[in-house]
């Protein structure tokens, strides 16, 4: 088996599992819109619980296989959770941008400041969780000072010309978003929420860059054009796919029997 085929097989395994779960959840939701059967809700609850367990293991193993293995002999017992925390903050950031855009376009007119506040609190929580795991990993490696563990940070600093980007990573992914989202009004402001979300997404790129590029021996300038092209291309494909899926179904689960518990609160402006 060639190196290319191994990389291709590795890149497909976690994605296939997640795609299956996503397709099943969407199918049950669409069926419920058609018949209003509460059993579809129960099935999606069971699928969601199973997905959390499967995702925890598949994404953790993918992070170790694709990222940690780039730095020879380096190990970290919380590396999988660290990447999951980063994924959660990035996912909520994308969700917040999408909700604001759909709300402004009239497709999610039922949403209000409380919904934005909830997204802001989630984003605030997940960037703080990421910072806690980053600090836990860094502190233990700095304190023990084992060569096989410090190699990751030494490689990162050498590959980026110093520790500037290392600390900029903390500032962009946690410090600045933390203080931006700290006021209650900021979490309820669509403008502030979108700006903070875009900053967090930029931080997710920087964090991934620092885990990959220094370990493979390339500098920032040498890979910038390639990374930007990849993000633009994949981002455009994601937006196109999401737009086509959104066009084929209602954004509000019309057949959900529990929707009546939410709609009156929204209509009353609470």
Protein backbone atom coordinates (compact mmCIF):
# COMPACT_ATOMS: atom_id res chain seq x y z
CA UNK A 1 0.00 0.00 0.00
CA UNK A 2 1.46 3.36 -1.05
CA UNK A 3 1.77 6.45 1.12
CA UNK A 4 -0.85 8.23 -0.97
CA UNK A 5 -3.36 5.41 -0.58
CA UNK A 6 -2.78 5.32 3.20
CA UNK A 7 -3.35 9.08 3.45
CA UNK A 8 -6.49 8.77 1.33
CA UNK A 9 -7.85 5.95 3.49
CA UNK A 10 -7.12 7.90 6.69
CA UNK A 11 -8.83 11.02 5.38
CA UNK A 12 -12.00 9.12 4.54
CA UNK A 13 -12.63 7.09 7.69
CA UNK A 14 -13.81 9.74 10.22
CA UNK A 15 -15.62 11.76 7.55
CA UNK A 16 -17.64 8.72 6.44
CA UNK A 17 -18.91 8.09 9.97
CA UNK A 18 -19.89 11.72 10.49
CA UNK A 19 -21.59 11.89 7.09
CA UNK A 20 -23.71 8.83 7.88
CA UNK A 21 -24.89 10.32 11.18
CA UNK A 22 -25.63 13.68 9.54
CA UNK A 23 -27.65 12.01 6.77
CA UNK A 24 -29.67 9.96 9.26
CA UNK A 25 -30.42 12.98 11.47
CA UNK A 26 -31.51 15.05 8.49
CA UNK A 27 -33.66 12.23 7.11
CA UNK A 28 -35.52 11.83 10.40
CA UNK A 29 -36.04 15.59 10.64
CA UNK A 30 -37.47 15.78 7.12
CA UNK A 31 -39.75 12.82 7.79
CA UNK A 32 -41.02 14.50 10.93
CA UNK A 33 -41.81 17.64 8.94
CA UNK A 34 -43.99 15.45 6.74
CA UNK A 35 -45.84 13.35 9.33
CA UNK A 36 -45.24 15.03 12.73
CA UNK A 37 -44.46 11.70 14.39
CA UNK A 38 -42.74 12.18 17.76
CA UNK A 39 -40.83 8.92 17.24
CA UNK A 40 -38.50 10.73 14.87
CA UNK A 41 -37.47 13.00 17.75
CA UNK A 42 -36.68 9.97 19.91
CA UNK A 43 -34.62 8.45 17.10
CA UNK A 44 -32.62 11.64 16.64
CA UNK A 45 -31.96 11.86 20.37
CA UNK A 46 -30.60 8.30 20.32
CA UNK A 47 -28.54 9.00 17.19
CA UNK A 48 -27.13 12.18 18.74
CA UNK A 49 -26.08 10.34 21.91
CA UNK A 50 -24.38 7.63 19.85
CA UNK A 51 -22.69 10.22 17.67
CA UNK A 52 -21.13 11.96 20.67
CA UNK A 53 -19.41 8.72 21.68
CA UNK A 54 -18.30 7.83 18.14
CA UNK A 55 -17.14 11.37 17.40
CA UNK A 56 -15.11 11.57 20.61
CA UNK A 57 -13.00 8.59 19.58
CA UNK A 58 -12.81 9.13 15.81
CA UNK A 59 -11.87 12.82 16.00
CA UNK A 60 -9.37 12.25 18.80
CA UNK A 61 -7.68 9.46 16.85
CA UNK A 62 -7.70 11.56 13.68
CA UNK A 63 -6.04 14.45 15.55
CA UNK A 64 -3.32 12.16 16.86
CA UNK A 65 -2.86 10.44 13.48
CA UNK A 66 -2.78 13.57 11.36
CA UNK A 67 -1.24 16.17 13.70
CA UNK A 68 0.58 14.76 16.71
CA UNK A 69 2.42 12.20 14.60
CA UNK A 70 4.08 15.01 12.63
CA UNK A 71 6.38 15.73 15.59
CA UNK A 72 8.48 12.62 16.20
CA UNK A 73 8.31 11.06 19.70
CA UNK A 74 5.97 13.80 20.97
CA UNK A 75 3.01 12.74 23.12
CA UNK A 76 0.25 14.58 24.96
CA UNK A 77 -2.55 12.88 26.86
CA UNK A 78 -5.02 15.73 26.24
CA UNK A 79 -4.19 16.43 22.59
CA UNK A 80 -7.43 14.87 21.36
CA UNK A 81 -9.57 16.89 23.78
CA UNK A 82 -7.58 20.01 22.92
CA UNK A 83 -8.48 19.65 19.25
CA UNK A 84 -12.10 18.85 20.08
CA UNK A 85 -12.30 22.10 22.07
CA UNK A 86 -10.89 23.98 19.09
CA UNK A 87 -13.38 22.32 16.77
CA UNK A 88 -16.26 23.26 19.07
CA UNK A 89 -15.27 26.92 19.22
CA UNK A 90 -14.81 27.04 15.45
CA UNK A 91 -18.14 25.27 14.83
CA UNK A 92 -20.07 27.67 17.06
CA UNK A 93 -18.33 30.60 15.36
CA UNK A 94 -19.46 29.36 11.92
CA UNK A 95 -22.95 28.72 13.30
CA UNK A 96 -23.15 32.25 14.72
CA UNK A 97 -22.15 33.82 11.39
CA UNK A 98 -24.67 31.62 9.54
CA UNK A 99 -27.51 32.42 11.97
CA UNK A 100 -26.91 36.17 11.73
CA UNK A 101 -26.77 36.00 7.95
CA UNK A 102 -29.96 33.93 7.71
CA UNK A 103 -31.66 36.18 10.25
CA UNK A 104 -30.78 39.32 8.29
CA UNK A 105 -31.99 37.69 5.06
CA UNK A 106 -35.36 36.86 6.64
CA UNK A 107 -35.02 33.07 6.60
CA UNK A 108 -34.68 32.90 10.40
CA UNK A 109 -36.88 35.83 11.32
CA UNK A 110 -38.14 34.02 14.45
CA UNK A 111 -34.75 34.32 16.13
CA UNK A 112 -34.17 37.17 18.56
CA UNK A 113 -31.57 38.56 20.93
CA UNK A 114 -31.95 35.62 23.30
CA UNK A 115 -30.86 33.22 20.56
CA UNK A 116 -27.81 35.33 19.77
CA UNK A 117 -27.10 35.53 23.49
CA UNK A 118 -27.11 31.72 23.69
CA UNK A 119 -24.68 31.47 20.78
CA UNK A 120 -22.47 34.08 22.38
CA UNK A 121 -22.41 32.16 25.66
CA UNK A 122 -21.52 28.95 23.85
CA UNK A 123 -18.70 30.65 21.97
CA UNK A 124 -17.47 32.27 25.19
CA UNK A 125 -17.50 28.87 26.94
CA UNK A 126 -15.72 26.94 24.21
CA UNK A 127 -12.91 29.48 23.67
CA UNK A 128 -12.34 29.36 27.43
CA UNK A 129 -12.33 25.55 27.38
CA UNK A 130 -9.75 25.67 24.57
CA UNK A 131 -7.59 28.07 26.62
CA UNK A 132 -7.85 25.84 29.70
CA UNK A 133 -6.64 22.80 27.76
CA UNK A 134 -3.92 24.80 25.99
CA UNK A 135 -2.62 26.06 29.34
CA UNK A 136 -2.85 22.60 30.93
CA UNK A 137 -0.82 21.06 28.13
CA UNK A 138 1.76 23.85 28.05
CA UNK A 139 2.18 24.05 31.83
CA UNK A 140 2.78 20.32 32.31
CA UNK A 141 5.25 20.14 29.44
CA UNK A 142 7.09 23.26 30.65
CA UNK A 143 7.20 22.00 34.25
CA UNK A 144 8.44 18.46 33.54
CA UNK A 145 10.84 19.65 30.82
CA UNK A 146 11.16 16.23 29.16
CA UNK A 147 12.98 16.50 25.79
CA UNK A 148 10.45 14.29 23.97
CA UNK A 149 7.64 16.60 25.11
CA UNK A 150 9.29 20.01 24.77
CA UNK A 151 10.21 19.14 21.18
CA UNK A 152 6.74 20.21 20.01
CA UNK A 153 7.04 23.77 21.33
CA UNK A 154 10.70 24.04 20.37
CA UNK A 155 9.85 22.98 16.82
CA UNK A 156 6.93 25.42 16.72
CA UNK A 157 9.04 28.36 17.90
CA UNK A 158 11.91 27.50 15.56
CA UNK A 159 9.57 27.11 12.61
CA UNK A 160 7.86 30.46 13.21
CA UNK A 161 10.95 32.49 14.00
CA UNK A 162 10.32 32.76 17.73
CA UNK A 163 7.46 32.65 20.21
CA UNK A 164 5.47 35.57 18.77
CA UNK A 165 2.97 33.42 16.87
CA UNK A 166 2.75 30.99 19.79
CA UNK A 167 1.44 33.72 22.08
CA UNK A 168 -0.56 35.36 19.30
CA UNK A 169 -2.36 32.03 19.05
CA UNK A 170 -3.53 32.38 22.66
CA UNK A 171 -4.55 36.00 22.14
CA UNK A 172 -6.60 35.38 19.00
CA UNK A 173 -8.23 32.14 20.14
CA UNK A 174 -9.04 33.18 23.70
CA UNK A 175 -7.80 36.46 25.20
CA UNK A 176 -9.40 38.90 22.73
CA UNK A 177 -12.67 36.91 22.22
CA UNK A 178 -12.95 36.49 26.01
CA UNK A 179 -13.00 40.22 26.68
CA UNK A 180 -15.08 41.01 23.59
CA UNK A 181 -17.83 38.60 24.68
CA UNK A 182 -17.64 39.34 28.39
CA UNK A 183 -20.35 42.07 28.39
CA UNK A 184 -23.92 40.80 28.11
CA UNK A 185 -24.79 43.32 25.39
CA UNK A 186 -21.91 42.12 23.23
CA UNK A 187 -23.31 38.59 23.16
CA UNK A 188 -26.70 39.96 22.06
CA UNK A 189 -25.24 42.16 19.31
CA UNK A 190 -25.21 40.55 15.87
CA UNK A 191 -22.38 42.84 14.72
CA UNK A 192 -20.14 42.06 17.69
CA UNK A 193 -20.97 38.36 17.52
CA UNK A 194 -20.04 38.13 13.84
CA UNK A 195 -16.79 40.07 14.30
CA UNK A 196 -15.76 37.92 17.25
CA UNK A 197 -16.70 34.74 15.38
CA UNK A 198 -14.56 35.74 12.39
CA UNK A 199 -11.67 36.43 14.76
CA UNK A 200 -12.09 32.97 16.32
CA UNK A 201 -12.11 31.37 12.87
CA UNK A 202 -8.86 33.18 12.06
CA UNK A 203 -7.51 31.83 15.33
CA UNK A 204 -8.51 28.30 14.37
CA UNK A 205 -6.44 28.64 11.20
CA UNK A 206 -3.45 29.92 13.18
CA UNK A 207 -3.71 27.11 15.73
CA UNK A 208 -3.81 24.46 13.00
CA UNK A 209 -0.96 26.18 11.15
CA UNK A 210 1.26 26.02 14.25
CA UNK A 211 0.52 22.32 14.70
CA UNK A 212 1.37 21.42 11.10
CA UNK A 213 3.70 23.75 9.24
CA UNK A 214 6.70 24.00 11.63
CA UNK A 215 6.70 20.21 12.05
CA UNK A 216 6.98 19.61 8.30
CA UNK A 217 9.74 22.19 7.90
CA UNK A 218 7.94 24.98 6.04
CA UNK A 219 7.72 28.63 7.03
CA UNK A 220 4.72 30.91 7.17
CA UNK A 221 5.40 32.70 3.89
CA UNK A 222 6.09 29.48 1.98
CA UNK A 223 2.67 28.02 2.76
CA UNK A 224 0.47 31.10 3.03
CA UNK A 225 -0.68 31.11 -0.61
CA UNK A 226 -1.44 27.39 -0.55
CA UNK A 227 -3.36 27.62 2.72
CA UNK A 228 -5.38 30.61 1.58
CA UNK A 229 -6.23 28.88 -1.69
CA UNK A 230 -7.28 25.73 0.15
CA UNK A 231 -9.46 27.66 2.62
CA UNK A 232 -11.12 29.67 -0.14
CA UNK A 233 -11.77 26.58 -2.24
CA UNK A 234 -13.05 24.40 0.59
CA UNK A 235 -14.99 27.31 2.07
CA UNK A 236 -16.72 27.97 -1.24
CA UNK A 237 -17.58 24.28 -1.60
CA UNK A 238 -18.98 24.22 1.94
CA UNK A 239 -21.12 27.32 1.38
CA UNK A 240 -22.42 25.93 -1.93
CA UNK A 241 -23.33 22.58 -0.38
CA UNK A 242 -24.94 24.21 2.67
CA UNK A 243 -26.94 26.59 0.49
CA UNK A 244 -28.26 23.73 -1.65
CA UNK A 245 -29.25 21.70 1.42
CA UNK A 246 -30.91 24.70 3.07
CA UNK A 247 -32.89 25.41 -0.10
CA UNK A 248 -34.35 21.90 -0.01
CA UNK A 249 -35.92 22.07 3.45
CA UNK A 250 -37.45 24.47 5.94
CA UNK A 251 -35.05 25.88 8.52
CA UNK A 252 -37.80 25.64 11.13
CA UNK A 253 -38.75 22.03 12.07
CA UNK A 254 -42.43 22.45 11.25
CA UNK A 255 -43.39 18.91 12.23
CA UNK A 256 -41.64 18.86 15.60
CA UNK A 257 -44.35 18.35 18.24
CA UNK A 258 -42.27 20.28 20.79
CA UNK A 259 -41.97 23.36 18.58
CA UNK A 260 -45.11 24.81 20.16
CA UNK A 261 -43.15 25.16 23.41
CA UNK A 262 -40.74 27.57 21.70
CA UNK A 263 -42.79 29.52 19.19
CA UNK A 264 -45.04 31.33 21.73
CA UNK A 265 -41.95 32.57 23.59
CA UNK A 266 -40.46 33.82 20.34
CA UNK A 267 -43.68 35.51 19.24
CA UNK A 268 -44.05 37.19 22.61
CA UNK A 269 -40.59 38.70 22.24
CA UNK A 270 -39.13 37.03 25.37
